[in-house]
Amino acid sequence: MNTLTPESLSFWPHLTKQQQETVLGCVQRVSYAPGQIIRSPDTDCLGALLIQSGVVRIYLLSEDGREATISRMTAGEVCVLSASCMLNAITFDVQIQAETAVEVLVIPIQYLAVLMRENIYVENFIYKAAADRFSHAIRAVEQMLFYTLEQRVASYLLEESRRLETDTLQVTQEQLAQAIGSAREAVTRTLKKLSAAGLVELFRGGVRVRDRKGLEQLVERGGL
């Protein structure tokens, strides 16, 4: 597991001694259960999350309740969209959820906002981290607009397999549909097609990648 502390952040050497002491004095350790909402329009703005363990899912929620995942973050990463209330460039609401059991260190918003006003290095760090998440969001939108459902499912399976370093993914069809912003029934049909083509193997509560090269070719050419 990658250990992430305030002292490991790039702006840390540029803080004054007093600012460093303030950060260390205010940082909080918080745990979230799988499925728990970390940030939504109905919750208070948190601050920066230094992810210690687990997977955090960032997604958009439509008025009719459909979800579209735009990014995932894991141990060793910093989530700043949980502090979106102080980022003027963000004019839309993102939802943040603990996809698994998650443990984070939180630099509370009231202290982070002061640091951003006082220290240009902190401000640059926060906006750079936010811009990185926007690049993930753009990729997610591109996939929804220009990828077929088969491409989106294959791309998800490949990315998750690489991230987890295993061909066996413990993900339900409902979770997969949620992750790519599609209907479960459509995802189920697509998985059956991929299984019939010998690209994946379906089992209760998961999917096993059987032909990685075949999935990569499917993503490149657009369909079976």
C-alpha atoms as a PDB file:
ATOM      1  CA  MET A   1       0.000   0.000   0.000  1.00  0.00           C
ATOM      2  CA  ASN A   2       1.255   3.469  -0.878  1.00  0.00           C
ATOM      3  CA  THR A   3       1.514   5.623   2.242  1.00  0.00           C
ATOM      4  CA  LEU A   4       0.509   9.232   1.664  1.00  0.00           C
ATOM      5  CA  THR A   5       1.045  11.913   4.302  1.00  0.00           C
ATOM      6  CA  PRO A   6       0.948  15.723   4.221  1.00  0.00           C
ATOM      7  CA  GLU A   7       4.763  15.753   4.381  1.00  0.00           C
ATOM      8  CA  SER A   8       4.927  13.797   1.096  1.00  0.00           C
ATOM      9  CA  LEU A   9       2.938  16.400  -0.869  1.00  0.00           C
ATOM     10  CA  SER A  10       4.896  18.556  -3.315  1.00  0.00           C
ATOM     11  CA  PHE A  11       3.938  21.849  -1.659  1.00  0.00           C
ATOM     12  CA  TRP A  12       5.105  20.774   1.816  1.00  0.00           C
ATOM     13  CA  PRO A  13       8.686  22.210   1.591  1.00  0.00           C
ATOM     14  CA  HIS A  14       7.213  25.557   0.552  1.00  0.00           C
ATOM     15  CA  LEU A  15       5.080  25.941   3.677  1.00  0.00           C
ATOM     16  CA  THR A  16       6.227  28.004   6.608  1.00  0.00           C
ATOM     17  CA  LYS A  17       6.933  26.222   9.872  1.00  0.00           C
ATOM     18  CA  GLN A  18       3.677  27.559  11.287  1.00  0.00           C
ATOM     19  CA  GLN A  19       1.702  26.381   8.247  1.00  0.00           C
ATOM     20  CA  GLN A  20       3.239  22.915   8.522  1.00  0.00           C
ATOM     21  CA  GLU A  21       2.294  22.727  12.192  1.00  0.00           C
ATOM     22  CA  THR A  22      -1.246  23.855  11.371  1.00  0.00           C
ATOM     23  CA  VAL A  23      -1.675  21.146   8.735  1.00  0.00           C
ATOM     24  CA  LEU A  24      -0.336  18.397  11.003  1.00  0.00           C
ATOM     25  CA  GLY A  25      -2.551  19.633  13.817  1.00  0.00           C
ATOM     26  CA  CYS A  26      -5.765  19.681  11.784  1.00  0.00           C
ATOM     27  CA  VAL A  27      -5.452  16.562   9.619  1.00  0.00           C
ATOM     28  CA  GLN A  28      -8.058  13.915  10.430  1.00  0.00           C
ATOM     29  CA  ARG A  29      -8.175  10.172   9.764  1.00  0.00           C
ATOM     30  CA  VAL A  30     -11.577   9.031   8.514  1.00  0.00           C
ATOM     31  CA  SER A  31     -12.893   5.613   7.467  1.00  0.00           C
ATOM     32  CA  TYR A  32     -15.772   4.928   5.072  1.00  0.00           C
ATOM     33  CA  ALA A  33     -17.724   1.721   4.541  1.00  0.00           C
ATOM     34  CA  PRO A  34     -18.259   0.247   1.058  1.00  0.00           C
ATOM     35  CA  GLY A  35     -20.993   2.194  -0.724  1.00  0.00           C
ATOM     36  CA  GLN A  36     -20.892   5.123   1.700  1.00  0.00           C
ATOM     37  CA  ILE A  37     -21.268   8.584   0.168  1.00  0.00           C
ATOM     38  CA  ILE A  38     -18.239  10.768   0.880  1.00  0.00           C
ATOM     39  CA  ARG A  39     -19.328  13.878  -0.990  1.00  0.00           C
ATOM     40  CA  SER A  40     -22.598  14.948  -2.624  1.00  0.00           C
ATOM     41  CA  PRO A  41     -24.488  18.224  -3.135  1.00  0.00           C
ATOM     42  CA  ASP A  42     -26.301  17.461   0.141  1.00  0.00           C
ATOM     43  CA  THR A  43     -23.150  17.124   2.251  1.00  0.00           C
ATOM     44  CA  ASP A  44     -20.696  19.692   3.523  1.00  0.00           C
ATOM     45  CA  CYS A  45     -17.512  20.438   1.586  1.00  0.00           C
ATOM     46  CA  LEU A  46     -14.807  18.288   3.150  1.00  0.00           C
ATOM     47  CA  GLY A  47     -11.347  19.323   2.009  1.00  0.00           C
ATOM     48  CA  ALA A  48      -8.519  17.362   0.412  1.00  0.00           C
ATOM     49  CA  LEU A  49      -8.570  13.578   0.826  1.00  0.00           C
ATOM     50  CA  LEU A  50      -5.241  11.751   1.059  1.00  0.00           C
ATOM     51  CA  ILE A  51      -6.282   8.196   0.246  1.00  0.00           C
ATOM     52  CA  GLN A  52      -4.610   5.613   2.473  1.00  0.00           C
ATOM     53  CA  SER A  53      -6.449   2.492   1.315  1.00  0.00           C
ATOM     54  CA  GLY A  54      -9.426   1.395  -0.755  1.00  0.00           C
ATOM     55  CA  VAL A  55     -11.068   2.708  -3.918  1.00  0.00           C
ATOM     56  CA  VAL A  56     -12.921   6.010  -4.229  1.00  0.00           C
ATOM     57  CA  ARG A  57     -15.377   6.465  -7.102  1.00  0.00           C
ATOM     58  CA  ILE A  58     -16.136   9.895  -8.559  1.00  0.00           C
ATOM     59  CA  TYR A  59     -19.282  10.130 -10.633  1.00  0.00           C
ATOM     60  CA  LEU A  60     -22.039  12.349 -11.991  1.00  0.00           C
ATOM     61  CA  LEU A  61     -25.702  11.778 -11.194  1.00  0.00           C
ATOM     62  CA  SER A  62     -28.444  12.755 -13.639  1.00  0.00           C
ATOM     63  CA  GLU A  63     -31.856  14.071 -12.605  1.00  0.00           C
ATOM     64  CA  ASP A  64     -33.427  10.701 -13.440  1.00  0.00           C
ATOM     65  CA  GLY A  65     -30.957   8.856 -11.207  1.00  0.00           C
ATOM     66  CA  ARG A  66     -28.503   7.522 -13.800  1.00  0.00           C
ATOM     67  CA  GLU A  67     -24.850   7.450 -12.771  1.00  0.00           C
ATOM     68  CA  ALA A  68     -21.767   7.974 -14.906  1.00  0.00           C
ATOM     69  CA  THR A  69     -18.399   7.186 -13.355  1.00  0.00           C
ATOM     70  CA  ILE A  70     -15.745   9.700 -14.397  1.00  0.00           C
ATOM     71  CA  SER A  71     -12.814   8.530 -12.311  1.00  0.00           C
ATOM     72  CA  ARG A  72     -11.545   6.166  -9.647  1.00  0.00           C
ATOM     73  CA  MET A  73      -8.816   6.908  -7.128  1.00  0.00           C
ATOM     74  CA  THR A  74      -6.811   4.537  -4.964  1.00  0.00           C
ATOM     75  CA  ALA A  75      -4.172   4.532  -2.227  1.00  0.00           C
ATOM     76  CA  GLY A  76      -1.421   7.082  -2.759  1.00  0.00           C
ATOM     77  CA  GLU A  77      -3.620   9.602  -4.589  1.00  0.00           C
ATOM     78  CA  VAL A  78      -5.073  12.945  -3.482  1.00  0.00           C
ATOM     79  CA  CYS A  79      -8.725  13.723  -4.157  1.00  0.00           C
ATOM     80  CA  VAL A  80      -9.391  17.467  -4.307  1.00  0.00           C
ATOM     81  CA  LEU A  81     -12.850  17.353  -5.890  1.00  0.00           C
ATOM     82  CA  SER A  82     -14.051  16.762  -2.333  1.00  0.00           C
ATOM     83  CA  ALA A  83     -13.070  20.425  -1.885  1.00  0.00           C
ATOM     84  CA  SER A  84     -14.906  21.565  -5.022  1.00  0.00           C
ATOM     85  CA  CYS A  85     -16.761  24.298  -3.119  1.00  0.00           C
ATOM     86  CA  MET A  86     -13.592  26.409  -3.137  1.00  0.00           C
ATOM     87  CA  LEU A  87     -12.627  25.709  -6.752  1.00  0.00           C
ATOM     88  CA  ASN A  88     -14.199  28.441  -8.850  1.00  0.00           C
ATOM     89  CA  ALA A  89     -13.606  26.518 -12.095  1.00  0.00           C
ATOM     90  CA  ILE A  90     -15.924  23.716 -11.002  1.00  0.00           C
ATOM     91  CA  THR A  91     -19.514  24.686 -11.767  1.00  0.00           C
ATOM     92  CA  PHE A  92     -21.094  21.225 -11.527  1.00  0.00           C
ATOM     93  CA  ASP A  93     -21.666  18.853  -8.644  1.00  0.00           C
ATOM     94  CA  VAL A  94     -19.693  15.632  -8.422  1.00  0.00           C
ATOM     95  CA  GLN A  95     -20.550  12.696  -6.238  1.00  0.00           C
ATOM     96  CA  ILE A  96     -17.816  10.829  -4.376  1.00  0.00           C
ATOM     97  CA  GLN A  97     -18.406   7.353  -2.987  1.00  0.00           C
ATOM     98  CA  ALA A  98     -16.362   4.709  -1.212  1.00  0.00           C
ATOM     99  CA  GLU A  99     -16.441   1.816  -3.673  1.00  0.00           C
ATOM    100  CA  THR A 100     -14.667  -0.415  -1.156  1.00  0.00           C
ATOM    101  CA  ALA A 101     -13.745   0.113   2.476  1.00  0.00           C
ATOM    102  CA  VAL A 102     -11.762   3.353   2.380  1.00  0.00           C
ATOM    103  CA  GLU A 103      -9.438   5.113   4.782  1.00  0.00           C
ATOM    104  CA  VAL A 104      -8.319   8.680   4.165  1.00  0.00           C
ATOM    105  CA  LEU A 105      -6.494  11.547   5.787  1.00  0.00           C
ATOM    106  CA  VAL A 106      -8.520  14.748   5.470  1.00  0.00           C
ATOM    107  CA  ILE A 107      -7.074  18.257   5.371  1.00  0.00           C
ATOM    108  CA  PRO A 108     -10.277  20.126   6.367  1.00  0.00           C
ATOM    109  CA  ILE A 109     -11.648  22.746   3.998  1.00  0.00           C
ATOM    110  CA  GLN A 110     -11.355  25.656   6.439  1.00  0.00           C
ATOM    111  CA  TYR A 111      -7.602  25.158   6.778  1.00  0.00           C
ATOM    112  CA  LEU A 112      -7.065  24.254   3.134  1.00  0.00           C
ATOM    113  CA  ALA A 113      -8.840  27.417   1.976  1.00  0.00           C
ATOM    114  CA  VAL A 114      -6.525  29.549   4.121  1.00  0.00           C
ATOM    115  CA  LEU A 115      -3.444  27.771   2.785  1.00  0.00           C
ATOM    116  CA  MET A 116      -4.604  28.337  -0.787  1.00  0.00           C
ATOM    117  CA  ARG A 117      -4.996  32.058  -0.153  1.00  0.00           C
ATOM    118  CA  GLU A 118      -1.645  32.353   1.600  1.00  0.00           C
ATOM    119  CA  ASN A 119       0.551  30.036  -0.451  1.00  0.00           C
ATOM    120  CA  ILE A 120       0.758  29.916  -4.253  1.00  0.00           C
ATOM    121  CA  TYR A 121       2.320  26.440  -4.146  1.00  0.00           C
ATOM    122  CA  VAL A 122      -0.742  25.017  -2.392  1.00  0.00           C
ATOM    123  CA  GLU A 123      -3.057  26.742  -4.865  1.00  0.00           C
ATOM    124  CA  ASN A 124      -1.093  25.366  -7.827  1.00  0.00           C
ATOM    125  CA  PHE A 125      -1.105  21.867  -6.332  1.00  0.00           C
ATOM    126  CA  ILE A 126      -4.885  21.889  -5.825  1.00  0.00           C
ATOM    127  CA  TYR A 127      -5.693  23.176  -9.316  1.00  0.00           C
ATOM    128  CA  LYS A 128      -3.217  20.803 -10.951  1.00  0.00           C
ATOM    129  CA  ALA A 129      -4.803  17.854  -9.132  1.00  0.00           C
ATOM    130  CA  ALA A 130      -8.263  19.057 -10.177  1.00  0.00           C
ATOM    131  CA  ALA A 131      -7.128  19.406 -13.812  1.00  0.00           C
ATOM    132  CA  ASP A 132      -5.862  15.824 -13.749  1.00  0.00           C
ATOM    133  CA  ARG A 133      -9.314  14.619 -12.677  1.00  0.00           C
ATOM    134  CA  PHE A 134     -10.878  16.671 -15.482  1.00  0.00           C
ATOM    135  CA  SER A 135      -8.774  14.751 -17.999  1.00  0.00           C
ATOM    136  CA  HIS A 136     -10.296  11.533 -16.643  1.00  0.00           C
ATOM    137  CA  ALA A 137     -13.758  13.079 -16.898  1.00  0.00           C
ATOM    138  CA  ILE A 138     -13.178  14.036 -20.529  1.00  0.00           C
ATOM    139  CA  ARG A 139     -12.064  10.492 -21.332  1.00  0.00           C
ATOM    140  CA  ALA A 140     -15.206   9.127 -19.676  1.00  0.00           C
ATOM    141  CA  VAL A 141     -17.404  11.481 -21.718  1.00  0.00           C
ATOM    142  CA  GLU A 142     -15.558  10.560 -24.920  1.00  0.00           C
ATOM    143  CA  GLN A 143     -16.221   6.884 -24.267  1.00  0.00           C
ATOM    144  CA  MET A 144     -19.918   7.501 -23.630  1.00  0.00           C
ATOM    145  CA  LEU A 145     -20.243   9.572 -26.802  1.00  0.00           C
ATOM    146  CA  PHE A 146     -18.042   7.695 -29.252  1.00  0.00           C
ATOM    147  CA  TYR A 147     -17.568   4.128 -27.962  1.00  0.00           C
ATOM    148  CA  THR A 148     -20.014   1.312 -28.565  1.00  0.00           C
ATOM    149  CA  LEU A 149     -21.271  -0.503 -25.488  1.00  0.00           C
ATOM    150  CA  GLU A 150     -19.027  -3.447 -26.368  1.00  0.00           C
ATOM    151  CA  GLN A 151     -16.008  -1.109 -26.441  1.00  0.00           C
ATOM    152  CA  ARG A 152     -16.944   0.483 -23.118  1.00  0.00           C
ATOM    153  CA  VAL A 153     -17.377  -2.867 -21.382  1.00  0.00           C
ATOM    154  CA  ALA A 154     -14.131  -4.217 -22.850  1.00  0.00           C
ATOM    155  CA  SER A 155     -12.251  -1.037 -21.933  1.00  0.00           C
ATOM    156  CA  TYR A 156     -13.533  -1.198 -18.357  1.00  0.00           C
ATOM    157  CA  LEU A 157     -12.531  -4.850 -17.974  1.00  0.00           C
ATOM    158  CA  LEU A 158      -9.044  -4.165 -19.344  1.00  0.00           C
ATOM    159  CA  GLU A 159      -8.475  -1.117 -17.143  1.00  0.00           C
ATOM    160  CA  GLU A 160      -9.719  -2.848 -13.989  1.00  0.00           C
ATOM    161  CA  SER A 161      -7.634  -5.931 -14.762  1.00  0.00           C
ATOM    162  CA  ARG A 162      -4.514  -3.776 -15.120  1.00  0.00           C
ATOM    163  CA  ARG A 163      -5.298  -1.746 -12.014  1.00  0.00           C
ATOM    164  CA  LEU A 164      -5.915  -4.802  -9.833  1.00  0.00           C
ATOM    165  CA  GLU A 165      -3.221  -6.892 -11.551  1.00  0.00           C
ATOM    166  CA  THR A 166      -5.542  -9.864 -12.001  1.00  0.00           C
ATOM    167  CA  ASP A 167      -7.719 -11.352 -14.731  1.00  0.00           C
ATOM    168  CA  THR A 168     -10.409 -12.301 -12.212  1.00  0.00           C
ATOM    169  CA  LEU A 169     -12.622  -9.330 -11.367  1.00  0.00           C
ATOM    170  CA  GLN A 170     -15.080  -9.476  -8.483  1.00  0.00           C
ATOM    171  CA  VAL A 171     -17.617  -7.111 -10.008  1.00  0.00           C
ATOM    172  CA  THR A 172     -21.335  -7.674 -10.451  1.00  0.00           C
ATOM    173  CA  GLN A 173     -23.110  -6.787 -13.670  1.00  0.00           C
ATOM    174  CA  GLU A 174     -24.995  -4.077 -11.767  1.00  0.00           C
ATOM    175  CA  GLN A 175     -21.711  -2.547 -10.589  1.00  0.00           C
ATOM    176  CA  LEU A 176     -20.233  -2.734 -14.077  1.00  0.00           C
ATOM    177  CA  ALA A 177     -23.299  -1.023 -15.546  1.00  0.00           C
ATOM    178  CA  GLN A 178     -23.058   1.658 -12.896  1.00  0.00           C
ATOM    179  CA  ALA A 179     -19.378   2.166 -13.610  1.00  0.00           C
ATOM    180  CA  ILE A 180     -19.866   2.846 -17.316  1.00  0.00           C
ATOM    181  CA  GLY A 181     -23.209   4.634 -17.064  1.00  0.00           C
ATOM    182  CA  SER A 182     -25.365   2.041 -18.819  1.00  0.00           C
ATOM    183  CA  ALA A 183     -28.383  -0.148 -18.080  1.00  0.00           C
ATOM    184  CA  ARG A 184     -27.727  -3.489 -16.390  1.00  0.00           C
ATOM    185  CA  GLU A 185     -29.785  -5.382 -18.966  1.00  0.00           C
ATOM    186  CA  ALA A 186     -27.693  -3.976 -21.825  1.00  0.00           C
ATOM    187  CA  VAL A 187     -24.451  -4.808 -20.008  1.00  0.00           C
ATOM    188  CA  THR A 188     -25.686  -8.351 -19.346  1.00  0.00           C
ATOM    189  CA  ARG A 189     -26.367  -8.882 -23.057  1.00  0.00           C
ATOM    190  CA  THR A 190     -22.953  -7.503 -23.957  1.00  0.00           C
ATOM    191  CA  LEU A 191     -21.148  -9.722 -21.455  1.00  0.00           C
ATOM    192  CA  LYS A 192     -22.930 -12.769 -22.845  1.00  0.00           C
ATOM    193  CA  LYS A 193     -21.724 -11.831 -26.340  1.00  0.00           C
ATOM    194  CA  LEU A 194     -18.159 -11.423 -25.088  1.00  0.00           C
ATOM    195  CA  SER A 195     -18.429 -14.757 -23.295  1.00  0.00           C
ATOM    196  CA  ALA A 196     -19.752 -16.492 -26.419  1.00  0.00           C
ATOM    197  CA  ALA A 197     -16.796 -15.069 -28.352  1.00  0.00           C
ATOM    198  CA  GLY A 198     -14.384 -16.571 -25.794  1.00  0.00           C
ATOM    199  CA  LEU A 199     -13.109 -13.194 -24.607  1.00  0.00           C
ATOM    200  CA  VAL A 200     -14.371 -13.454 -21.030  1.00  0.00           C
ATOM    201  CA  GLU A 201     -15.758 -16.027 -18.640  1.00  0.00           C
ATOM    202  CA  LEU A 202     -18.740 -15.151 -16.466  1.00  0.00           C
ATOM    203  CA  PHE A 203     -19.192 -16.474 -12.946  1.00  0.00           C
ATOM    204  CA  ARG A 204     -21.427 -15.553 -10.058  1.00  0.00           C
ATOM    205  CA  GLY A 205     -20.399 -12.118  -8.840  1.00  0.00           C
ATOM    206  CA  GLY A 206     -17.629 -11.545 -11.352  1.00  0.00           C
ATOM    207  CA  VAL A 207     -15.950 -11.692 -14.743  1.00  0.00           C
ATOM    208  CA  ARG A 208     -12.713 -13.382 -15.753  1.00  0.00           C
ATOM    209  CA  VAL A 209     -10.682 -11.998 -18.663  1.00  0.00           C
ATOM    210  CA  ARG A 210      -9.740 -14.907 -20.944  1.00  0.00           C
ATOM    211  CA  ASP A 211      -8.447 -13.146 -24.050  1.00  0.00           C
ATOM    212  CA  ARG A 212      -6.824  -9.812 -23.270  1.00  0.00           C
ATOM    213  CA  LYS A 213      -5.553  -9.305 -26.821  1.00  0.00           C
ATOM    214  CA  GLY A 214      -9.012  -9.987 -28.184  1.00  0.00           C
ATOM    215  CA  LEU A 215     -10.532  -7.366 -25.895  1.00  0.00           C
ATOM    216  CA  GLU A 216      -7.872  -4.851 -26.922  1.00  0.00           C
ATOM    217  CA  GLN A 217      -8.660  -5.484 -30.589  1.00  0.00           C
ATOM    218  CA  LEU A 218     -12.367  -5.041 -29.873  1.00  0.00           C
ATOM    219  CA  VAL A 219     -11.697  -1.649 -28.304  1.00  0.00           C
ATOM    220  CA  GLU A 220      -9.622  -0.616 -31.307  1.00  0.00           C
ATOM    221  CA  ARG A 221     -12.016  -1.746 -34.044  1.00  0.00           C
ATOM    222  CA  GLY A 222     -15.317  -0.924 -32.356  1.00  0.00           C
ATOM    223  CA  GLY A 223     -17.127  -4.267 -32.104  1.00  0.00           C
ATOM    224  CA  LEU A 224     -17.086  -8.028 -32.448  1.00  0.00           C
END
